[in-house]
Structure formats: C-alpha cells, structure tokens
Amino acid sequence: MDVTSAVLAGALAGLAGCVPLAVPFEGALRAGAKVSIAAGMAGVMASFLMMTVALAVAYAVAGAGRPFLAFACSMVALFLLFWAVEAIRAWRAANGRRRA
C-alpha cells in the first residue's frame, strides 16, 4: 500500500466512522425531534468499533510503517473535520442561526 492510497482509504474510513454518530445527531437538529440517549450511545459504540476495525485492517495490510501512519492521520483528520462542521451547525441551531 502506498501513501496516497493510504491517505484516501483513511479519509473514507474517517467519513464512514462518522455515519453512526451523524444519524442521531442530524435527527436531534430537527425541530421537535426526540432522539434517545441509547441511540446516541449506540452510535458512539458503532463508530468506535468501525474505526478500530479499520485501524486493525490497515495495520495488517500496511504494517507499522509510513502508509499506516498516513492512513491513521487521514482517518482522524477527516473525522475531526466532520465533527467540527457539525459542531458549528449545532451551535447555530442552538443560537437561532445568528451570525456574528
């Protein structure tokens, strides 16, 4: 596995790790929607398991070298970028979509 494909695979794994959490989060952003704590916790656990399995598979395929590091950094960066955008959306929704 070369570094470029590792970065792309890591980006896909990071985005896939966001999906289980994004579903209840997007539901909670809708007006009048009720999302249970259990759904949120299930999303957290599913996301954790998906990303852990992705790291284990990448380690098995690429070993502990540079491609694995590129995969892991890309995965975490895309995951955090996605949730930074979602945090901004949640802040705007909580504050009546005011702009500073």
PDB file of N, CA and C in Angstrom:
ATOM      1  N   MET A   1       0.851  -1.168   0.000  1.00  0.00           N
ATOM      2  CA  MET A   1       0.000   0.000   0.000  1.00  0.00           C
ATOM      3  C   MET A   1       0.896   1.230   0.000  1.00  0.00           C
ATOM      4  N   ASP A   2       0.695   2.113  -0.964  1.00  0.00           N
ATOM      5  CA  ASP A   2       1.488   3.342  -0.983  1.00  0.00           C
ATOM      6  C   ASP A   2       0.787   4.421  -0.155  1.00  0.00           C
ATOM      7  N   VAL A   3       1.484   5.528   0.051  1.00  0.00           N
ATOM      8  CA  VAL A   3       0.991   6.572   0.947  1.00  0.00           C
ATOM      9  C   VAL A   3      -0.277   7.225   0.400  1.00  0.00           C
ATOM     10  N   THR A   4      -0.337   7.459  -0.909  1.00  0.00           N
ATOM     11  CA  THR A   4      -1.514   8.114  -1.491  1.00  0.00           C
ATOM     12  C   THR A   4      -2.776   7.280  -1.285  1.00  0.00           C
ATOM     13  N   SER A   5      -2.693   6.002  -1.567  1.00  0.00           N
ATOM     14  CA  SER A   5      -3.871   5.155  -1.362  1.00  0.00           C
ATOM     15  C   SER A   5      -4.192   5.016   0.123  1.00  0.00           C
ATOM     16  N   ALA A   6      -3.183   5.059   0.974  1.00  0.00           N
ATOM     17  CA  ALA A   6      -3.428   5.001   2.417  1.00  0.00           C
ATOM     18  C   ALA A   6      -4.168   6.245   2.896  1.00  0.00           C
ATOM     19  N   VAL A   7      -3.800   7.410   2.370  1.00  0.00           N
ATOM     20  CA  VAL A   7      -4.485   8.650   2.744  1.00  0.00           C
ATOM     21  C   VAL A   7      -5.938   8.617   2.284  1.00  0.00           C
ATOM     22  N   LEU A   8      -6.170   8.178   1.052  1.00  0.00           N
ATOM     23  CA  LEU A   8      -7.541   8.100   0.540  1.00  0.00           C
ATOM     24  C   LEU A   8      -8.371   7.078   1.319  1.00  0.00           C
ATOM     25  N   ALA A   9      -7.791   5.929   1.605  1.00  0.00           N
ATOM     26  CA  ALA A   9      -8.511   4.919   2.387  1.00  0.00           C
ATOM     27  C   ALA A   9      -8.792   5.422   3.801  1.00  0.00           C
ATOM     28  N   GLY A  10      -7.854   6.136   4.377  1.00  0.00           N
ATOM     29  CA  GLY A  10      -8.069   6.704   5.708  1.00  0.00           C
ATOM     30  C   GLY A  10      -9.172   7.744   5.718  1.00  0.00           C
ATOM     31  N   ALA A  11      -9.227   8.551   4.658  1.00  0.00           N
ATOM     32  CA  ALA A  11     -10.297   9.545   4.557  1.00  0.00           C
ATOM     33  C   ALA A  11     -11.658   8.864   4.475  1.00  0.00           C
ATOM     34  N   LEU A  12     -11.744   7.812   3.683  1.00  0.00           N
ATOM     35  CA  LEU A  12     -13.009   7.073   3.582  1.00  0.00           C
ATOM     36  C   LEU A  12     -13.378   6.416   4.910  1.00  0.00           C
ATOM     37  N   ALA A  13     -12.390   5.865   5.596  1.00  0.00           N
ATOM     38  CA  ALA A  13     -12.660   5.236   6.893  1.00  0.00           C
ATOM     39  C   ALA A  13     -13.102   6.277   7.922  1.00  0.00           C
ATOM     40  N   GLY A  14     -12.504   7.455   7.881  1.00  0.00           N
ATOM     41  CA  GLY A  14     -12.906   8.523   8.797  1.00  0.00           C
ATOM     42  C   GLY A  14     -14.330   8.980   8.562  1.00  0.00           C
ATOM     43  N   LEU A  15     -14.692   9.124   7.295  1.00  0.00           N
ATOM     44  CA  LEU A  15     -16.069   9.512   6.979  1.00  0.00           C
ATOM     45  C   LEU A  15     -17.049   8.401   7.328  1.00  0.00           C
ATOM     46  N   ALA A  16     -16.664   7.157   7.081  1.00  0.00           N
ATOM     47  CA  ALA A  16     -17.538   6.033   7.440  1.00  0.00           C
ATOM     48  C   ALA A  16     -17.713   5.948   8.955  1.00  0.00           C
ATOM     49  N   GLY A  17     -16.699   6.320   9.702  1.00  0.00           N
ATOM     50  CA  GLY A  17     -16.805   6.319  11.155  1.00  0.00           C
ATOM     51  C   GLY A  17     -17.726   7.400  11.691  1.00  0.00           C
ATOM     52  N   CYS A  18     -18.000   8.413  10.884  1.00  0.00           N
ATOM     53  CA  CYS A  18     -18.907   9.488  11.293  1.00  0.00           C
ATOM     54  C   CYS A  18     -20.373   9.112  11.141  1.00  0.00           C
ATOM     55  N   VAL A  19     -20.675   8.200  10.232  1.00  0.00           N
ATOM     56  CA  VAL A  19     -22.070   7.899   9.891  1.00  0.00           C
ATOM     57  C   VAL A  19     -22.896   7.423  11.092  1.00  0.00           C
ATOM     58  N   PRO A  20     -22.414   6.463  11.905  1.00  0.00           N
ATOM     59  CA  PRO A  20     -23.262   6.015  13.019  1.00  0.00           C
ATOM     60  C   PRO A  20     -23.598   7.125  14.015  1.00  0.00           C
ATOM     61  N   LEU A  21     -22.722   8.095  14.163  1.00  0.00           N
ATOM     62  CA  LEU A  21     -22.992   9.213  15.061  1.00  0.00           C
ATOM     63  C   LEU A  21     -23.808  10.304  14.385  1.00  0.00           C
ATOM     64  N   ALA A  22     -23.640  10.456  13.098  1.00  0.00           N
ATOM     65  CA  ALA A  22     -24.314  11.539  12.384  1.00  0.00           C
ATOM     66  C   ALA A  22     -25.815  11.316  12.289  1.00  0.00           C
ATOM     67  N   VAL A  23     -26.241  10.079  12.213  1.00  0.00           N
ATOM     68  CA  VAL A  23     -27.677   9.795  12.066  1.00  0.00           C
ATOM     69  C   VAL A  23     -28.468  10.317  13.274  1.00  0.00           C
ATOM     70  N   PRO A  24     -28.133   9.960  14.519  1.00  0.00           N
ATOM     71  CA  PRO A  24     -28.897  10.538  15.633  1.00  0.00           C
ATOM     72  C   PRO A  24     -28.650  12.035  15.808  1.00  0.00           C
ATOM     73  N   PHE A  25     -27.451  12.502  15.464  1.00  0.00           N
ATOM     74  CA  PHE A  25     -27.148  13.924  15.602  1.00  0.00           C
ATOM     75  C   PHE A  25     -28.009  14.751  14.662  1.00  0.00           C
ATOM     76  N   GLU A  26     -28.108  14.331  13.410  1.00  0.00           N
ATOM     77  CA  GLU A  26     -28.949  15.057  12.451  1.00  0.00           C
ATOM     78  C   GLU A  26     -30.412  14.993  12.859  1.00  0.00           C
ATOM     79  N   GLY A  27     -30.817  13.860  13.423  1.00  0.00           N
ATOM     80  CA  GLY A  27     -32.185  13.757  13.921  1.00  0.00           C
ATOM     81  C   GLY A  27     -32.451  14.736  15.051  1.00  0.00           C
ATOM     82  N   ALA A  28     -31.473  14.947  15.910  1.00  0.00           N
ATOM     83  CA  ALA A  28     -31.631  15.871  17.030  1.00  0.00           C
ATOM     84  C   ALA A  28     -31.675  17.322  16.573  1.00  0.00           C
ATOM     85  N   LEU A  29     -31.090  17.639  15.429  1.00  0.00           N
ATOM     86  CA  LEU A  29     -31.115  19.013  14.937  1.00  0.00           C
ATOM     87  C   LEU A  29     -32.476  19.414  14.377  1.00  0.00           C
ATOM     88  N   ARG A  30     -33.298  18.431  14.035  1.00  0.00           N
ATOM     89  CA  ARG A  30     -34.630  18.756  13.517  1.00  0.00           C
ATOM     90  C   ARG A  30     -35.511  19.271  14.647  1.00  0.00           C
ATOM     91  N   ALA A  31     -36.326  20.270  14.332  1.00  0.00           N
ATOM     92  CA  ALA A  31     -37.216  20.847  15.339  1.00  0.00           C
ATOM     93  C   ALA A  31     -38.249  19.818  15.777  1.00  0.00           C
ATOM     94  N   GLY A  32     -38.396  19.663  17.065  1.00  0.00           N
ATOM     95  CA  GLY A  32     -39.395  18.760  17.614  1.00  0.00           C
ATOM     96  C   GLY A  32     -39.016  17.293  17.606  1.00  0.00           C
ATOM     97  N   ALA A  33     -37.846  16.958  17.119  1.00  0.00           N
ATOM     98  CA  ALA A  33     -37.431  15.553  17.059  1.00  0.00           C
ATOM     99  C   ALA A  33     -36.929  15.108  18.427  1.00  0.00           C
ATOM    100  N   LYS A  34     -37.198  13.868  18.753  1.00  0.00           N
ATOM    101  CA  LYS A  34     -36.718  13.303  20.012  1.00  0.00           C
ATOM    102  C   LYS A  34     -35.779  12.150  19.691  1.00  0.00           C
ATOM    103  N   VAL A  35     -34.554  12.286  20.129  1.00  0.00           N
ATOM    104  CA  VAL A  35     -33.549  11.240  19.927  1.00  0.00           C
ATOM    105  C   VAL A  35     -33.153  10.724  21.303  1.00  0.00           C
ATOM    106  N   SER A  36     -33.164   9.427  21.455  1.00  0.00           N
ATOM    107  CA  SER A  36     -32.861   8.845  22.766  1.00  0.00           C
ATOM    108  C   SER A  36     -31.354   8.827  23.030  1.00  0.00           C
ATOM    109  N   ILE A  37     -31.031   8.823  24.298  1.00  0.00           N
ATOM    110  CA  ILE A  37     -29.631   8.691  24.709  1.00  0.00           C
ATOM    111  C   ILE A  37     -29.084   7.346  24.252  1.00  0.00           C
ATOM    112  N   ALA A  38     -29.926   6.329  24.274  1.00  0.00           N
ATOM    113  CA  ALA A  38     -29.489   4.995  23.850  1.00  0.00           C
ATOM    114  C   ALA A  38     -29.058   4.995  22.389  1.00  0.00           C
ATOM    115  N   ALA A  39     -29.783   5.728  21.537  1.00  0.00           N
ATOM    116  CA  ALA A  39     -29.399   5.814  20.121  1.00  0.00           C
ATOM    117  C   ALA A  39     -28.055   6.515  19.971  1.00  0.00           C
ATOM    118  N   GLY A  40     -27.833   7.548  20.756  1.00  0.00           N
ATOM    119  CA  GLY A  40     -26.550   8.244  20.716  1.00  0.00           C
ATOM    120  C   GLY A  40     -25.404   7.369  21.194  1.00  0.00           C
ATOM    121  N   MET A  41     -25.625   6.640  22.280  1.00  0.00           N
ATOM    122  CA  MET A  41     -24.586   5.746  22.797  1.00  0.00           C
ATOM    123  C   MET A  41     -24.311   4.597  21.834  1.00  0.00           C
ATOM    124  N   ALA A  42     -25.357   4.086  21.204  1.00  0.00           N
ATOM    125  CA  ALA A  42     -25.157   3.031  20.200  1.00  0.00           C
ATOM    126  C   ALA A  42     -24.345   3.569  19.030  1.00  0.00           C
ATOM    127  N   GLY A  43     -24.593   4.819  18.644  1.00  0.00           N
ATOM    128  CA  GLY A  43     -23.812   5.441  17.577  1.00  0.00           C
ATOM    129  C   GLY A  43     -22.351   5.596  17.953  1.00  0.00           C
ATOM    130  N   VAL A  44     -22.102   5.987  19.197  1.00  0.00           N
ATOM    131  CA  VAL A  44     -20.718   6.127  19.674  1.00  0.00           C
ATOM    132  C   VAL A  44     -20.002   4.783  19.630  1.00  0.00           C
ATOM    133  N   MET A  45     -20.654   3.744  20.121  1.00  0.00           N
ATOM    134  CA  MET A  45     -20.032   2.417  20.133  1.00  0.00           C
ATOM    135  C   MET A  45     -19.808   1.885  18.718  1.00  0.00           C
ATOM    136  N   ALA A  46     -20.788   2.075  17.837  1.00  0.00           N
ATOM    137  CA  ALA A  46     -20.635   1.610  16.456  1.00  0.00           C
ATOM    138  C   ALA A  46     -19.502   2.352  15.763  1.00  0.00           C
ATOM    139  N   SER A  47     -19.415   3.650  15.991  1.00  0.00           N
ATOM    140  CA  SER A  47     -18.338   4.439  15.392  1.00  0.00           C
ATOM    141  C   SER A  47     -16.977   3.980  15.906  1.00  0.00           C
ATOM    142  N   PHE A  48     -16.869   3.783  17.208  1.00  0.00           N
ATOM    143  CA  PHE A  48     -15.620   3.314  17.804  1.00  0.00           C
ATOM    144  C   PHE A  48     -15.209   1.966  17.225  1.00  0.00           C
ATOM    145  N   LEU A  49     -16.155   1.044  17.144  1.00  0.00           N
ATOM    146  CA  LEU A  49     -15.840  -0.283  16.616  1.00  0.00           C
ATOM    147  C   LEU A  49     -15.437  -0.227  15.147  1.00  0.00           C
ATOM    148  N   MET A  50     -16.152   0.569  14.348  1.00  0.00           N
ATOM    149  CA  MET A  50     -15.812   0.673  12.924  1.00  0.00           C
ATOM    150  C   MET A  50     -14.404   1.222  12.730  1.00  0.00           C
ATOM    151  N   MET A  51     -14.066   2.263  13.478  1.00  0.00           N
ATOM    152  CA  MET A  51     -12.752   2.877  13.299  1.00  0.00           C
ATOM    153  C   MET A  51     -11.642   1.994  13.870  1.00  0.00           C
ATOM    154  N   THR A  52     -11.917   1.258  14.931  1.00  0.00           N
ATOM    155  CA  THR A  52     -10.931   0.327  15.474  1.00  0.00           C
ATOM    156  C   THR A  52     -10.658  -0.805  14.497  1.00  0.00           C
ATOM    157  N   VAL A  53     -11.709  -1.347  13.904  1.00  0.00           N
ATOM    158  CA  VAL A  53     -11.538  -2.406  12.901  1.00  0.00           C
ATOM    159  C   VAL A  53     -10.783  -1.867  11.692  1.00  0.00           C
ATOM    160  N   ALA A  54     -11.095  -0.642  11.272  1.00  0.00           N
ATOM    161  CA  ALA A  54     -10.385  -0.048  10.134  1.00  0.00           C
ATOM    162  C   ALA A  54      -8.892   0.090  10.435  1.00  0.00           C
ATOM    163  N   LEU A  55      -8.556   0.515  11.653  1.00  0.00           N
ATOM    164  CA  LEU A  55      -7.143   0.617  12.033  1.00  0.00           C
ATOM    165  C   LEU A  55      -6.475  -0.751  12.072  1.00  0.00           C
ATOM    166  N   ALA A  56      -7.168  -1.748  12.583  1.00  0.00           N
ATOM    167  CA  ALA A  56      -6.597  -3.099  12.645  1.00  0.00           C
ATOM    168  C   ALA A  56      -6.352  -3.661  11.253  1.00  0.00           C
ATOM    169  N   VAL A  57      -7.297  -3.451  10.347  1.00  0.00           N
ATOM    170  CA  VAL A  57      -7.130  -3.932   8.968  1.00  0.00           C
ATOM    171  C   VAL A  57      -5.985  -3.192   8.287  1.00  0.00           C
ATOM    172  N   ALA A  58      -5.922  -1.882   8.472  1.00  0.00           N
ATOM    173  CA  ALA A  58      -4.837  -1.112   7.857  1.00  0.00           C
ATOM    174  C   ALA A  58      -3.483  -1.543   8.408  1.00  0.00           C
ATOM    175  N   TYR A  59      -3.417  -1.826   9.693  1.00  0.00           N
ATOM    176  CA  TYR A  59      -2.158  -2.284  10.287  1.00  0.00           C
ATOM    177  C   TYR A  59      -1.769  -3.648   9.729  1.00  0.00           C
ATOM    178  N   ALA A  60      -2.755  -4.517   9.539  1.00  0.00           N
ATOM    179  CA  ALA A  60      -2.475  -5.848   8.989  1.00  0.00           C
ATOM    180  C   ALA A  60      -2.012  -5.762   7.542  1.00  0.00           C
ATOM    181  N   VAL A  61      -2.569  -4.829   6.786  1.00  0.00           N
ATOM    182  CA  VAL A  61      -2.216  -4.691   5.365  1.00  0.00           C
ATOM    183  C   VAL A  61      -0.908  -3.932   5.193  1.00  0.00           C
ATOM    184  N   ALA A  62      -0.756  -2.824   5.902  1.00  0.00           N
ATOM    185  CA  ALA A  62       0.376  -1.930   5.657  1.00  0.00           C
ATOM    186  C   ALA A  62       1.530  -2.119   6.629  1.00  0.00           C
ATOM    187  N   GLY A  63       1.307  -2.759   7.750  1.00  0.00           N
ATOM    188  CA  GLY A  63       2.364  -2.857   8.746  1.00  0.00           C
ATOM    189  C   GLY A  63       2.476  -1.557   9.523  1.00  0.00           C
ATOM    190  N   ALA A  64       3.561  -1.406  10.269  1.00  0.00           N
ATOM    191  CA  ALA A  64       3.717  -0.244  11.143  1.00  0.00           C
ATOM    192  C   ALA A  64       4.501   0.881  10.488  1.00  0.00           C
ATOM    193  N   GLY A  65       4.568   0.916   9.187  1.00  0.00           N
ATOM    194  CA  GLY A  65       5.374   1.917   8.507  1.00  0.00           C
ATOM    195  C   GLY A  65       4.625   3.192   8.172  1.00  0.00           C
ATOM    196  N   ARG A  66       5.178   3.897   7.215  1.00  0.00           N
ATOM    197  CA  ARG A  66       4.649   5.181   6.796  1.00  0.00           C
ATOM    198  C   ARG A  66       3.215   5.114   6.261  1.00  0.00           C
ATOM    199  N   PRO A  67       2.835   4.112   5.458  1.00  0.00           N
ATOM    200  CA  PRO A  67       1.444   4.069   4.979  1.00  0.00           C
ATOM    201  C   PRO A  67       0.423   3.951   6.116  1.00  0.00           C
ATOM    202  N   PHE A  68       0.750   3.198   7.154  1.00  0.00           N
ATOM    203  CA  PHE A  68      -0.186   3.086   8.281  1.00  0.00           C
ATOM    204  C   PHE A  68      -0.344   4.423   8.988  1.00  0.00           C
ATOM    205  N   LEU A  69       0.751   5.135   9.167  1.00  0.00           N
ATOM    206  CA  LEU A  69       0.689   6.454   9.794  1.00  0.00           C
ATOM    207  C   LEU A  69      -0.141   7.410   8.945  1.00  0.00           C
ATOM    208  N   ALA A  70       0.047   7.369   7.625  1.00  0.00           N
ATOM    209  CA  ALA A  70      -0.742   8.221   6.731  1.00  0.00           C
ATOM    210  C   ALA A  70      -2.221   7.868   6.813  1.00  0.00           C
ATOM    211  N   PHE A  71      -2.528   6.571   6.858  1.00  0.00           N
ATOM    212  CA  PHE A  71      -3.917   6.122   6.983  1.00  0.00           C
ATOM    213  C   PHE A  71      -4.531   6.645   8.278  1.00  0.00           C
ATOM    214  N   ALA A  72      -3.839   6.435   9.387  1.00  0.00           N
ATOM    215  CA  ALA A  72      -4.381   6.816  10.693  1.00  0.00           C
ATOM    216  C   ALA A  72      -4.565   8.324  10.803  1.00  0.00           C
ATOM    217  N   CYS A  73      -3.592   9.094  10.351  1.00  0.00           N
ATOM    218  CA  CYS A  73      -3.701  10.553  10.423  1.00  0.00           C
ATOM    219  C   CYS A  73      -4.836  11.066   9.550  1.00  0.00           C
ATOM    220  N   SER A  74      -4.962  10.509   8.368  1.00  0.00           N
ATOM    221  CA  SER A  74      -6.038  10.915   7.470  1.00  0.00           C
ATOM    222  C   SER A  74      -7.399  10.572   8.059  1.00  0.00           C
ATOM    223  N   MET A  75      -7.518   9.395   8.634  1.00  0.00           N
ATOM    224  CA  MET A  75      -8.789   8.974   9.223  1.00  0.00           C
ATOM    225  C   MET A  75      -9.195   9.909  10.360  1.00  0.00           C
ATOM    226  N   VAL A  76      -8.281  10.188  11.257  1.00  0.00           N
ATOM    227  CA  VAL A  76      -8.588  11.051  12.401  1.00  0.00           C
ATOM    228  C   VAL A  76      -8.863  12.483  11.943  1.00  0.00           C
ATOM    229  N   ALA A  77      -8.098  12.978  10.978  1.00  0.00           N
ATOM    230  CA  ALA A  77      -8.296  14.347  10.499  1.00  0.00           C
ATOM    231  C   ALA A  77      -9.674  14.529   9.874  1.00  0.00           C
ATOM    232  N   LEU A  78     -10.099  13.598   9.033  1.00  0.00           N
ATOM    233  CA  LEU A  78     -11.423  13.720   8.416  1.00  0.00           C
ATOM    234  C   LEU A  78     -12.523  13.571   9.447  1.00  0.00           C
ATOM    235  N   PHE A  79     -12.353  12.681  10.404  1.00  0.00           N
ATOM    236  CA  PHE A  79     -13.339  12.502  11.469  1.00  0.00           C
ATOM    237  C   PHE A  79     -13.505  13.800  12.255  1.00  0.00           C
ATOM    238  N   LEU A  80     -12.400  14.406  12.661  1.00  0.00           N
ATOM    239  CA  LEU A  80     -12.469  15.642  13.440  1.00  0.00           C
ATOM    240  C   LEU A  80     -12.981  16.814  12.614  1.00  0.00           C
ATOM    241  N   LEU A  81     -12.619  16.880  11.343  1.00  0.00           N
ATOM    242  CA  LEU A  81     -13.125  17.945  10.475  1.00  0.00           C
ATOM    243  C   LEU A  81     -14.636  17.847  10.334  1.00  0.00           C
ATOM    244  N   PHE A  82     -15.139  16.639  10.129  1.00  0.00           N
ATOM    245  CA  PHE A  82     -16.584  16.438  10.013  1.00  0.00           C
ATOM    246  C   PHE A  82     -17.290  16.919  11.273  1.00  0.00           C
ATOM    247  N   TRP A  83     -16.761  16.569  12.441  1.00  0.00           N
ATOM    248  CA  TRP A  83     -17.428  16.956  13.681  1.00  0.00           C
ATOM    249  C   TRP A  83     -17.228  18.418  14.019  1.00  0.00           C
ATOM    250  N   ALA A  84     -16.194  19.044  13.512  1.00  0.00           N
ATOM    251  CA  ALA A  84     -16.063  20.495  13.671  1.00  0.00           C
ATOM    252  C   ALA A  84     -17.176  21.206  12.908  1.00  0.00           C
ATOM    253  N   VAL A  85     -17.451  20.751  11.696  1.00  0.00           N
ATOM    254  CA  VAL A  85     -18.543  21.327  10.905  1.00  0.00           C
ATOM    255  C   VAL A  85     -19.877  21.085  11.601  1.00  0.00           C
ATOM    256  N   GLU A  86     -20.089  19.882  12.111  1.00  0.00           N
ATOM    257  CA  GLU A  86     -21.343  19.575  12.807  1.00  0.00           C
ATOM    258  C   GLU A  86     -21.481  20.401  14.086  1.00  0.00           C
ATOM    259  N   ALA A  87     -20.394  20.668  14.782  1.00  0.00           N
ATOM    260  CA  ALA A  87     -20.451  21.495  15.988  1.00  0.00           C
ATOM    261  C   ALA A  87     -20.868  22.919  15.649  1.00  0.00           C
ATOM    262  N   ILE A  88     -20.376  23.441  14.537  1.00  0.00           N
ATOM    263  CA  ILE A  88     -20.781  24.780  14.101  1.00  0.00           C
ATOM    264  C   ILE A  88     -22.264  24.793  13.766  1.00  0.00           C
ATOM    265  N   ARG A  89     -22.731  23.762  13.069  1.00  0.00           N
ATOM    266  CA  ARG A  89     -24.157  23.679  12.736  1.00  0.00           C
ATOM    267  C   ARG A  89     -25.008  23.593  13.998  1.00  0.00           C
ATOM    268  N   ALA A  90     -24.568  22.829  14.982  1.00  0.00           N
ATOM    269  CA  ALA A  90     -25.320  22.702  16.232  1.00  0.00           C
ATOM    270  C   ALA A  90     -25.325  24.017  17.000  1.00  0.00           C
ATOM    271  N   TRP A  91     -24.205  24.712  17.011  1.00  0.00           N
ATOM    272  CA  TRP A  91     -24.139  25.999  17.698  1.00  0.00           C
ATOM    273  C   TRP A  91     -25.086  26.994  17.054  1.00  0.00           C
ATOM    274  N   ARG A  92     -25.106  27.023  15.728  1.00  0.00           N
ATOM    275  CA  ARG A  92     -26.031  27.923  15.031  1.00  0.00           C
ATOM    276  C   ARG A  92     -27.481  27.557  15.310  1.00  0.00           C
ATOM    277  N   ALA A  93     -27.789  26.270  15.334  1.00  0.00           N
ATOM    278  CA  ALA A  93     -29.164  25.842  15.613  1.00  0.00           C
ATOM    279  C   ALA A  93     -29.565  26.207  17.044  1.00  0.00           C
ATOM    280  N   ALA A  94     -28.642  26.081  17.976  1.00  0.00           N
ATOM    281  CA  ALA A  94     -28.946  26.396  19.372  1.00  0.00           C
ATOM    282  C   ALA A  94     -29.098  27.890  19.604  1.00  0.00           C
ATOM    283  N   ASN A  95     -28.458  28.694  18.778  1.00  0.00           N
ATOM    284  CA  ASN A  95     -28.490  30.143  18.950  1.00  0.00           C
ATOM    285  C   ASN A  95     -29.353  30.842  17.912  1.00  0.00           C
ATOM    286  N   GLY A  96     -30.271  30.152  17.336  1.00  0.00           N
ATOM    287  CA  GLY A  96     -31.200  30.771  16.396  1.00  0.00           C
ATOM    288  C   GLY A  96     -30.584  31.201  15.089  1.00  0.00           C
ATOM    289  N   ARG A  97     -29.531  30.528  14.675  1.00  0.00           N
ATOM    290  CA  ARG A  97     -28.852  30.804  13.405  1.00  0.00           C
ATOM    291  C   ARG A  97     -28.392  32.255  13.275  1.00  0.00           C
ATOM    292  N   ARG A  98     -27.987  32.832  14.385  1.00  0.00           N
ATOM    293  CA  ARG A  98     -27.430  34.184  14.328  1.00  0.00           C
ATOM    294  C   ARG A  98     -26.035  34.141  13.740  1.00  0.00           C
ATOM    295  N   ARG A  99     -25.676  35.192  13.062  1.00  0.00           N
ATOM    296  CA  ARG A  99     -24.318  35.294  12.502  1.00  0.00           C
ATOM    297  C   ARG A  99     -23.572  36.399  13.225  1.00  0.00           C
ATOM    298  N   ALA A 100     -22.332  36.137  13.543  1.00  0.00           N
ATOM    299  CA  ALA A 100     -21.523  37.128  14.265  1.00  0.00           C
ATOM    300  C   ALA A 100     -20.994  38.178  13.329  1.00  0.00           C
TER     301      ALA A 100
END
